[in-house]
Amino acid sequence: MYNEIDYKRSGGIAMEYGIQMFSLRDVFCTDMEKALKVASEIGYRAVEFAQFGDCTSSQIKEWLHKYNLAPWSSHIMLEDLQTNFEKTVAFHKEIGCTDLAICCVCRDSKEQVEAAVNGINEMIPKLEAEGMSLHFHNHYWDHNPNRDSVINFYELVTRTNIQFELDTYWLFVAGLDPIVFLEKLGDRVSFIHLKDGEGGFNGLSLGKGAAPVEKVYKKAKELGIRIIVESEGCNPTGPDEIKRCYDYLMGIAQ
């Protein structure tokens, strides 16, 4: 099973690619098993979940095994983790996923950022006690000052020990250099989202937009950071989109 591979940082790490299931939202919303089958057949060896719908943990576990996919991570909301901690942990343990990524927090005011920092600091040791890790997935707005001139991402870096799933495209949209963040955050970066576009919400296949995709890919490979592909677009379908992205990665892999 791919989830038994040692993915510790190493210059010689085997480059397997994960897919954020949001990229297949036109499929998994009605048929999760089909979405996982598609990802596997294209060549992805890991997945990051966006949601599970009505699927049970035993179903997800069965399909992951059937299609030889590793559950690298899962996107959650901080509030859901706080209010449904035991249920959330049990579900993810059952499917073999130990890495949870907060995909968004309220950050419009100083008070909201403070609540997020405190909530994250409370959740980290609780998850560690369960053998799990907490990560934060950034958007471009996390790098911009809010109405109280507080930058959410900076507060999370300096006031928590959370790991990061760097969305390198949203760093680009925010006018920042993803390479600099990968180097400065070092071992706190567990995964990256690799995606492309022209600088807004209209996503494009890897290599078709303006983001520094190849440079980011090479840096992630150098650092041994796991790469999760995500597409903001489904053109004309999610499977078509993620196939083009996978073909691009095969073309630049050395």
C-alpha atoms as a PDB file:
ATOM      1  CA  MET A   1       0.000   0.000   0.000  1.00  0.00           C
ATOM      2  CA  TYR A   2       1.246   3.473  -0.843  1.00  0.00           C
ATOM      3  CA  ASN A   3       0.364   4.770   2.601  1.00  0.00           C
ATOM      4  CA  GLU A   4       3.073   2.484   4.009  1.00  0.00           C
ATOM      5  CA  ILE A   5       5.839   4.298   2.098  1.00  0.00           C
ATOM      6  CA  ASP A   6       8.209   6.345   4.245  1.00  0.00           C
ATOM      7  CA  TYR A   7       7.650   9.910   3.109  1.00  0.00           C
ATOM      8  CA  LYS A   8      10.257  11.484   5.400  1.00  0.00           C
ATOM      9  CA  ARG A   9      12.168  14.352   3.850  1.00  0.00           C
ATOM     10  CA  SER A  10      14.906  13.051   1.586  1.00  0.00           C
ATOM     11  CA  GLY A  11      16.551  14.265  -1.581  1.00  0.00           C
ATOM     12  CA  GLY A  12      15.837  10.864  -3.079  1.00  0.00           C
ATOM     13  CA  ILE A  13      12.167  10.782  -2.187  1.00  0.00           C
ATOM     14  CA  ALA A  14       9.892   8.961  -4.612  1.00  0.00           C
ATOM     15  CA  MET A  15       7.680  11.607  -6.187  1.00  0.00           C
ATOM     16  CA  GLU A  16       4.143  10.317  -5.931  1.00  0.00           C
ATOM     17  CA  TYR A  17       1.373  12.843  -6.434  1.00  0.00           C
ATOM     18  CA  GLY A  18      -1.808  13.411  -4.525  1.00  0.00           C
ATOM     19  CA  ILE A  19      -5.004  14.974  -5.795  1.00  0.00           C
ATOM     20  CA  GLN A  20      -7.287  17.261  -3.818  1.00  0.00           C
ATOM     21  CA  MET A  21     -10.704  15.755  -4.366  1.00  0.00           C
ATOM     22  CA  PHE A  22     -12.235  19.218  -4.799  1.00  0.00           C
ATOM     23  CA  SER A  23     -10.773  18.963  -8.302  1.00  0.00           C
ATOM     24  CA  LEU A  24     -13.221  16.099  -8.950  1.00  0.00           C
ATOM     25  CA  ARG A  25     -16.198  17.774  -7.334  1.00  0.00           C
ATOM     26  CA  ASP A  26     -18.306  17.207 -10.450  1.00  0.00           C
ATOM     27  CA  VAL A  27     -17.884  13.471  -9.828  1.00  0.00           C
ATOM     28  CA  PHE A  28     -17.548  12.842  -6.072  1.00  0.00           C
ATOM     29  CA  CYS A  29     -20.660  14.828  -5.161  1.00  0.00           C
ATOM     30  CA  THR A  30     -22.713  12.010  -6.679  1.00  0.00           C
ATOM     31  CA  ASP A  31     -20.268   9.089  -6.772  1.00  0.00           C
ATOM     32  CA  MET A  32     -17.276   9.104  -4.424  1.00  0.00           C
ATOM     33  CA  GLU A  33     -16.090   5.662  -5.453  1.00  0.00           C
ATOM     34  CA  LYS A  34     -16.038   6.653  -9.121  1.00  0.00           C
ATOM     35  CA  ALA A  35     -14.005   9.778  -8.280  1.00  0.00           C
ATOM     36  CA  LEU A  36     -11.422   7.713  -6.393  1.00  0.00           C
ATOM     37  CA  LYS A  37     -11.285   5.178  -9.238  1.00  0.00           C
ATOM     38  CA  VAL A  38     -10.701   7.968 -11.779  1.00  0.00           C
ATOM     39  CA  ALA A  39      -7.879   9.476  -9.715  1.00  0.00           C
ATOM     40  CA  SER A  40      -6.174   6.111  -9.378  1.00  0.00           C
ATOM     41  CA  GLU A  41      -6.502   5.197 -13.042  1.00  0.00           C
ATOM     42  CA  ILE A  42      -4.946   8.500 -14.102  1.00  0.00           C
ATOM     43  CA  GLY A  43      -1.930   7.783 -11.917  1.00  0.00           C
ATOM     44  CA  TYR A  44      -2.405   9.655  -8.659  1.00  0.00           C
ATOM     45  CA  ARG A  45      -1.317   7.623  -5.665  1.00  0.00           C
ATOM     46  CA  ALA A  46      -2.811   9.687  -2.867  1.00  0.00           C
ATOM     47  CA  VAL A  47      -5.838  11.831  -2.162  1.00  0.00           C
ATOM     48  CA  GLU A  48      -6.787  14.742   0.018  1.00  0.00           C
ATOM     49  CA  PHE A  49     -10.446  14.825   0.882  1.00  0.00           C
ATOM     50  CA  ALA A  50     -12.584  17.954   0.732  1.00  0.00           C
ATOM     51  CA  GLN A  51     -15.675  16.313   2.208  1.00  0.00           C
ATOM     52  CA  PHE A  52     -17.207  12.867   2.496  1.00  0.00           C
ATOM     53  CA  GLY A  53     -20.878  13.466   1.805  1.00  0.00           C
ATOM     54  CA  ASP A  54     -22.978  10.568   3.051  1.00  0.00           C
ATOM     55  CA  CYS A  55     -20.158   8.029   2.734  1.00  0.00           C
ATOM     56  CA  THR A  56     -19.222   6.036   5.805  1.00  0.00           C
ATOM     57  CA  SER A  57     -15.666   5.627   7.007  1.00  0.00           C
ATOM     58  CA  SER A  58     -15.803   1.899   6.218  1.00  0.00           C
ATOM     59  CA  GLN A  59     -16.802   2.665   2.618  1.00  0.00           C
ATOM     60  CA  ILE A  60     -13.991   5.188   2.206  1.00  0.00           C
ATOM     61  CA  LYS A  61     -11.499   2.730   3.696  1.00  0.00           C
ATOM     62  CA  GLU A  62     -12.662  -0.020   1.333  1.00  0.00           C
ATOM     63  CA  TRP A  63     -12.401   2.184  -1.761  1.00  0.00           C
ATOM     64  CA  LEU A  64      -8.971   3.508  -0.820  1.00  0.00           C
ATOM     65  CA  HIS A  65      -7.726  -0.055  -0.516  1.00  0.00           C
ATOM     66  CA  LYS A  66      -9.479  -1.139  -3.711  1.00  0.00           C
ATOM     67  CA  TYR A  67      -7.879   1.620  -5.772  1.00  0.00           C
ATOM     68  CA  ASN A  68      -4.525   1.604  -3.959  1.00  0.00           C
ATOM     69  CA  LEU A  69      -4.752   5.207  -2.783  1.00  0.00           C
ATOM     70  CA  ALA A  70      -3.192   6.731   0.325  1.00  0.00           C
ATOM     71  CA  PRO A  71      -5.300   9.197   2.349  1.00  0.00           C
ATOM     72  CA  TRP A  72      -2.646  11.882   2.765  1.00  0.00           C
ATOM     73  CA  SER A  73      -4.876  14.480   4.360  1.00  0.00           C
ATOM     74  CA  SER A  74      -8.358  15.849   4.817  1.00  0.00           C
ATOM     75  CA  HIS A  75      -9.717  19.389   4.810  1.00  0.00           C
ATOM     76  CA  ILE A  76     -11.784  20.364   7.808  1.00  0.00           C
ATOM     77  CA  MET A  77     -13.144  23.493   9.426  1.00  0.00           C
ATOM     78  CA  LEU A  78     -11.751  24.461  12.831  1.00  0.00           C
ATOM     79  CA  GLU A  79     -15.266  24.869  14.210  1.00  0.00           C
ATOM     80  CA  ASP A  80     -16.219  21.332  13.131  1.00  0.00           C
ATOM     81  CA  LEU A  81     -13.122  19.941  14.825  1.00  0.00           C
ATOM     82  CA  GLN A  82     -13.917  21.820  18.017  1.00  0.00           C
ATOM     83  CA  THR A  83     -17.548  20.724  18.175  1.00  0.00           C
ATOM     84  CA  ASN A  84     -17.158  17.183  16.808  1.00  0.00           C
ATOM     85  CA  PHE A  85     -13.668  16.237  17.940  1.00  0.00           C
ATOM     86  CA  GLU A  86     -14.210  12.587  18.869  1.00  0.00           C
ATOM     87  CA  LYS A  87     -16.342  11.837  15.809  1.00  0.00           C
ATOM     88  CA  THR A  88     -13.885  13.571  13.471  1.00  0.00           C
ATOM     89  CA  VAL A  89     -10.893  11.747  14.924  1.00  0.00           C
ATOM     90  CA  ALA A  90     -12.635   8.362  14.842  1.00  0.00           C
ATOM     91  CA  PHE A  91     -13.704   8.782  11.208  1.00  0.00           C
ATOM     92  CA  HIS A  92     -10.216   9.741  10.028  1.00  0.00           C
ATOM     93  CA  LYS A  93      -8.517   7.015  12.057  1.00  0.00           C
ATOM     94  CA  GLU A  94     -10.788   4.467  10.432  1.00  0.00           C
ATOM     95  CA  ILE A  95      -9.753   5.526   6.922  1.00  0.00           C
ATOM     96  CA  GLY A  96      -6.075   5.778   7.881  1.00  0.00           C
ATOM     97  CA  CYS A  97      -5.758   9.552   7.618  1.00  0.00           C
ATOM     98  CA  THR A  98      -3.706  11.196  10.365  1.00  0.00           C
ATOM     99  CA  ASP A  99      -3.210  14.658   8.839  1.00  0.00           C
ATOM    100  CA  LEU A 100      -6.023  17.207   9.098  1.00  0.00           C
ATOM    101  CA  ALA A 101      -5.804  20.536   7.296  1.00  0.00           C
ATOM    102  CA  ILE A 102      -7.837  23.540   8.393  1.00  0.00           C
ATOM    103  CA  CYS A 103      -8.975  25.050   5.120  1.00  0.00           C
ATOM    104  CA  CYS A 104     -10.333  28.360   6.362  1.00  0.00           C
ATOM    105  CA  VAL A 105     -10.753  30.408   9.538  1.00  0.00           C
ATOM    106  CA  CYS A 106     -12.597  33.629  10.278  1.00  0.00           C
ATOM    107  CA  ARG A 107      -9.982  36.382  10.027  1.00  0.00           C
ATOM    108  CA  ASP A 108     -11.807  39.675   9.381  1.00  0.00           C
ATOM    109  CA  SER A 109     -10.990  41.180  12.768  1.00  0.00           C
ATOM    110  CA  LYS A 110      -8.342  40.988  15.478  1.00  0.00           C
ATOM    111  CA  GLU A 111     -10.820  39.140  17.684  1.00  0.00           C
ATOM    112  CA  GLN A 112     -11.503  36.503  15.031  1.00  0.00           C
ATOM    113  CA  VAL A 113      -7.791  35.898  14.472  1.00  0.00           C
ATOM    114  CA  GLU A 114      -7.281  35.647  18.234  1.00  0.00           C
ATOM    115  CA  ALA A 115     -10.040  33.040  18.435  1.00  0.00           C
ATOM    116  CA  ALA A 116      -8.441  31.058  15.596  1.00  0.00           C
ATOM    117  CA  VAL A 117      -4.999  31.149  17.240  1.00  0.00           C
ATOM    118  CA  ASN A 118      -6.425  30.014  20.578  1.00  0.00           C
ATOM    119  CA  GLY A 119      -8.523  27.294  18.974  1.00  0.00           C
ATOM    120  CA  ILE A 120      -5.598  25.935  17.005  1.00  0.00           C
ATOM    121  CA  ASN A 121      -3.341  25.944  20.055  1.00  0.00           C
ATOM    122  CA  GLU A 122      -5.997  23.976  21.918  1.00  0.00           C
ATOM    123  CA  MET A 123      -6.472  21.423  19.141  1.00  0.00           C
ATOM    124  CA  ILE A 124      -2.801  20.661  18.360  1.00  0.00           C
ATOM    125  CA  PRO A 125      -1.982  18.737  21.593  1.00  0.00           C
ATOM    126  CA  LYS A 126      -5.349  16.985  21.562  1.00  0.00           C
ATOM    127  CA  LEU A 127      -4.679  15.676  18.061  1.00  0.00           C
ATOM    128  CA  GLU A 128      -1.083  14.799  18.876  1.00  0.00           C
ATOM    129  CA  ALA A 129      -2.359  12.650  21.724  1.00  0.00           C
ATOM    130  CA  GLU A 130      -4.376  10.766  19.104  1.00  0.00           C
ATOM    131  CA  GLY A 131      -1.340  10.357  16.832  1.00  0.00           C
ATOM    132  CA  MET A 132      -2.604  13.015  14.419  1.00  0.00           C
ATOM    133  CA  SER A 133      -1.280  16.318  13.088  1.00  0.00           C
ATOM    134  CA  LEU A 134      -2.923  19.668  12.368  1.00  0.00           C
ATOM    135  CA  HIS A 135      -2.086  21.759   9.315  1.00  0.00           C
ATOM    136  CA  PHE A 136      -3.264  25.066   7.855  1.00  0.00           C
ATOM    137  CA  HIS A 137      -4.144  25.620   4.212  1.00  0.00           C
ATOM    138  CA  ASN A 138      -3.752  29.249   3.173  1.00  0.00           C
ATOM    139  CA  HIS A 139      -5.723  31.381   0.747  1.00  0.00           C
ATOM    140  CA  TYR A 140      -4.572  34.706  -0.652  1.00  0.00           C
ATOM    141  CA  TRP A 141      -6.611  36.659   1.887  1.00  0.00           C
ATOM    142  CA  ASP A 142      -4.696  35.080   4.771  1.00  0.00           C
ATOM    143  CA  HIS A 143      -1.686  37.129   3.664  1.00  0.00           C
ATOM    144  CA  ASN A 144      -3.527  40.458   3.514  1.00  0.00           C
ATOM    145  CA  PRO A 145      -4.123  42.753   6.510  1.00  0.00           C
ATOM    146  CA  ASN A 146      -7.657  42.590   7.852  1.00  0.00           C
ATOM    147  CA  ARG A 147      -9.679  45.597   8.995  1.00  0.00           C
ATOM    148  CA  ASP A 148      -7.569  45.753  12.178  1.00  0.00           C
ATOM    149  CA  SER A 149      -4.310  45.521  10.184  1.00  0.00           C
ATOM    150  CA  VAL A 150      -3.686  41.978  11.429  1.00  0.00           C
ATOM    151  CA  ILE A 151      -2.283  39.421   8.964  1.00  0.00           C
ATOM    152  CA  ASN A 152      -3.759  36.033   9.751  1.00  0.00           C
ATOM    153  CA  PHE A 153      -0.936  33.941   8.269  1.00  0.00           C
ATOM    154  CA  TYR A 154       1.745  35.818  10.222  1.00  0.00           C
ATOM    155  CA  GLU A 155      -0.129  35.277  13.474  1.00  0.00           C
ATOM    156  CA  LEU A 156      -0.420  31.544  12.826  1.00  0.00           C
ATOM    157  CA  VAL A 157       3.276  31.270  11.986  1.00  0.00           C
ATOM    158  CA  THR A 158       4.483  33.149  15.041  1.00  0.00           C
ATOM    159  CA  ARG A 159       1.927  32.204  17.683  1.00  0.00           C
ATOM    160  CA  THR A 160       1.170  28.542  16.964  1.00  0.00           C
ATOM    161  CA  ASN A 161       3.094  25.384  16.133  1.00  0.00           C
ATOM    162  CA  ILE A 162       0.713  24.378  13.374  1.00  0.00           C
ATOM    163  CA  GLN A 163       2.125  22.708  10.267  1.00  0.00           C
ATOM    164  CA  PHE A 164       1.382  24.231   6.883  1.00  0.00           C
ATOM    165  CA  GLU A 165      -0.090  22.987   3.664  1.00  0.00           C
ATOM    166  CA  LEU A 166       1.108  25.841   1.464  1.00  0.00           C
ATOM    167  CA  ASP A 167      -1.173  26.661  -1.412  1.00  0.00           C
ATOM    168  CA  THR A 168       1.499  27.997  -3.729  1.00  0.00           C
ATOM    169  CA  TYR A 169      -1.004  29.445  -6.182  1.00  0.00           C
ATOM    170  CA  TRP A 170      -2.709  31.597  -3.549  1.00  0.00           C
ATOM    171  CA  LEU A 171       0.713  32.870  -2.473  1.00  0.00           C
ATOM    172  CA  PHE A 172       1.264  33.904  -6.083  1.00  0.00           C
ATOM    173  CA  VAL A 173      -2.136  35.613  -6.190  1.00  0.00           C
ATOM    174  CA  ALA A 174      -1.217  37.510  -3.017  1.00  0.00           C
ATOM    175  CA  GLY A 175       1.884  38.834  -4.812  1.00  0.00           C
ATOM    176  CA  LEU A 176       4.265  36.657  -2.801  1.00  0.00           C
ATOM    177  CA  ASP A 177       7.010  34.253  -3.858  1.00  0.00           C
ATOM    178  CA  PRO A 178       6.125  30.635  -2.987  1.00  0.00           C
ATOM    179  CA  ILE A 179       9.795  29.631  -3.079  1.00  0.00           C
ATOM    180  CA  VAL A 180      10.629  32.089  -0.302  1.00  0.00           C
ATOM    181  CA  PHE A 181       7.870  30.649   1.897  1.00  0.00           C
ATOM    182  CA  LEU A 182       8.964  27.082   1.259  1.00  0.00           C
ATOM    183  CA  GLU A 183      12.500  27.958   2.297  1.00  0.00           C
ATOM    184  CA  LYS A 184      11.616  30.104   5.324  1.00  0.00           C
ATOM    185  CA  LEU A 185       9.010  27.765   6.800  1.00  0.00           C
ATOM    186  CA  GLY A 186      11.209  24.712   6.236  1.00  0.00           C
ATOM    187  CA  ASP A 187      10.032  21.604   8.091  1.00  0.00           C
ATOM    188  CA  ARG A 188       6.732  23.253   9.001  1.00  0.00           C
ATOM    189  CA  VAL A 189       5.579  22.685   5.415  1.00  0.00           C
ATOM    190  CA  SER A 190       4.094  19.207   5.175  1.00  0.00           C
ATOM    191  CA  PHE A 191       2.355  19.465   1.816  1.00  0.00           C
ATOM    192  CA  ILE A 192       1.915  21.937  -0.993  1.00  0.00           C
ATOM    193  CA  HIS A 193      -1.011  22.563  -3.275  1.00  0.00           C
ATOM    194  CA  LEU A 194       0.297  22.842  -6.799  1.00  0.00           C
ATOM    195  CA  LYS A 195      -2.072  24.597  -9.166  1.00  0.00           C
ATOM    196  CA  ASP A 196      -2.147  27.225 -11.861  1.00  0.00           C
ATOM    197  CA  GLY A 197      -4.169  30.156 -13.131  1.00  0.00           C
ATOM    198  CA  GLU A 198      -3.951  33.753 -14.253  1.00  0.00           C
ATOM    199  CA  GLY A 199      -4.136  35.249 -10.788  1.00  0.00           C
ATOM    200  CA  GLY A 200      -7.787  34.873  -9.836  1.00  0.00           C
ATOM    201  CA  PHE A 201     -10.377  32.208  -9.119  1.00  0.00           C
ATOM    202  CA  ASN A 202     -10.454  30.893 -12.695  1.00  0.00           C
ATOM    203  CA  GLY A 203      -8.088  27.963 -12.450  1.00  0.00           C
ATOM    204  CA  LEU A 204      -6.159  26.459 -15.328  1.00  0.00           C
ATOM    205  CA  SER A 205      -4.359  23.171 -15.862  1.00  0.00           C
ATOM    206  CA  LEU A 206      -0.779  23.033 -14.606  1.00  0.00           C
ATOM    207  CA  GLY A 207       1.541  24.830 -16.988  1.00  0.00           C
ATOM    208  CA  LYS A 208      -1.259  26.796 -18.674  1.00  0.00           C
ATOM    209  CA  GLY A 209      -1.317  29.849 -16.392  1.00  0.00           C
ATOM    210  CA  ALA A 210       1.028  32.463 -14.985  1.00  0.00           C
ATOM    211  CA  ALA A 211       1.978  30.843 -11.661  1.00  0.00           C
ATOM    212  CA  PRO A 212       5.591  29.608 -11.231  1.00  0.00           C
ATOM    213  CA  VAL A 213       4.510  25.980 -11.272  1.00  0.00           C
ATOM    214  CA  GLU A 214       7.706  24.365 -12.516  1.00  0.00           C
ATOM    215  CA  LYS A 215       9.899  26.327 -10.100  1.00  0.00           C
ATOM    216  CA  VAL A 216       7.655  25.338  -7.210  1.00  0.00           C
ATOM    217  CA  TYR A 217       7.647  21.717  -8.329  1.00  0.00           C
ATOM    218  CA  LYS A 218      11.443  21.594  -8.417  1.00  0.00           C
ATOM    219  CA  LYS A 219      11.751  23.207  -4.981  1.00  0.00           C
ATOM    220  CA  ALA A 220       9.224  20.794  -3.469  1.00  0.00           C
ATOM    221  CA  LYS A 221      11.101  17.890  -5.002  1.00  0.00           C
ATOM    222  CA  GLU A 222      14.369  19.236  -3.619  1.00  0.00           C
ATOM    223  CA  LEU A 223      12.893  19.556  -0.134  1.00  0.00           C
ATOM    224  CA  GLY A 224      11.011  16.262  -0.228  1.00  0.00           C
ATOM    225  CA  ILE A 225       7.627  17.900   0.292  1.00  0.00           C
ATOM    226  CA  ARG A 226       4.535  16.020  -0.791  1.00  0.00           C
ATOM    227  CA  ILE A 227       2.736  17.539  -3.787  1.00  0.00           C
ATOM    228  CA  ILE A 228      -1.041  17.674  -3.946  1.00  0.00           C
ATOM    229  CA  VAL A 229      -2.539  18.834  -7.227  1.00  0.00           C
ATOM    230  CA  GLU A 230      -5.622  21.017  -7.060  1.00  0.00           C
ATOM    231  CA  SER A 231      -7.560  22.604  -9.876  1.00  0.00           C
ATOM    232  CA  GLU A 232      -9.988  25.453  -9.414  1.00  0.00           C
ATOM    233  CA  GLY A 233     -11.557  24.643 -12.780  1.00  0.00           C
ATOM    234  CA  CYS A 234     -13.292  21.614 -14.289  1.00  0.00           C
ATOM    235  CA  ASN A 235     -12.659  22.101 -17.999  1.00  0.00           C
ATOM    236  CA  PRO A 236     -14.680  20.485 -19.447  1.00  0.00           C
ATOM    237  CA  THR A 237     -14.762  18.007 -16.561  1.00  0.00           C
ATOM    238  CA  GLY A 238     -12.762  17.331 -13.423  1.00  0.00           C
ATOM    239  CA  PRO A 239     -11.280  14.100 -14.839  1.00  0.00           C
ATOM    240  CA  ASP A 240     -10.122  15.923 -17.980  1.00  0.00           C
ATOM    241  CA  GLU A 241      -8.547  18.657 -15.872  1.00  0.00           C
ATOM    242  CA  ILE A 242      -6.629  16.402 -13.492  1.00  0.00           C
ATOM    243  CA  LYS A 243      -5.441  14.206 -16.393  1.00  0.00           C
ATOM    244  CA  ARG A 244      -3.846  17.249 -18.074  1.00  0.00           C
ATOM    245  CA  CYS A 245      -2.227  18.178 -14.759  1.00  0.00           C
ATOM    246  CA  TYR A 246      -0.840  14.682 -14.288  1.00  0.00           C
ATOM    247  CA  ASP A 247       0.511  14.609 -17.841  1.00  0.00           C
ATOM    248  CA  TYR A 248       2.235  17.930 -17.185  1.00  0.00           C
ATOM    249  CA  LEU A 249       3.929  16.544 -14.085  1.00  0.00           C
ATOM    250  CA  MET A 250       5.092  13.500 -16.019  1.00  0.00           C
ATOM    251  CA  GLY A 251       6.556  15.846 -18.625  1.00  0.00           C
ATOM    252  CA  ILE A 252       8.676  17.865 -16.176  1.00  0.00           C
ATOM    253  CA  ALA A 253       9.644  15.032 -13.821  1.00  0.00           C
ATOM    254  CA  GLN A 254      13.335  14.198 -13.897  1.00  0.00           C
END
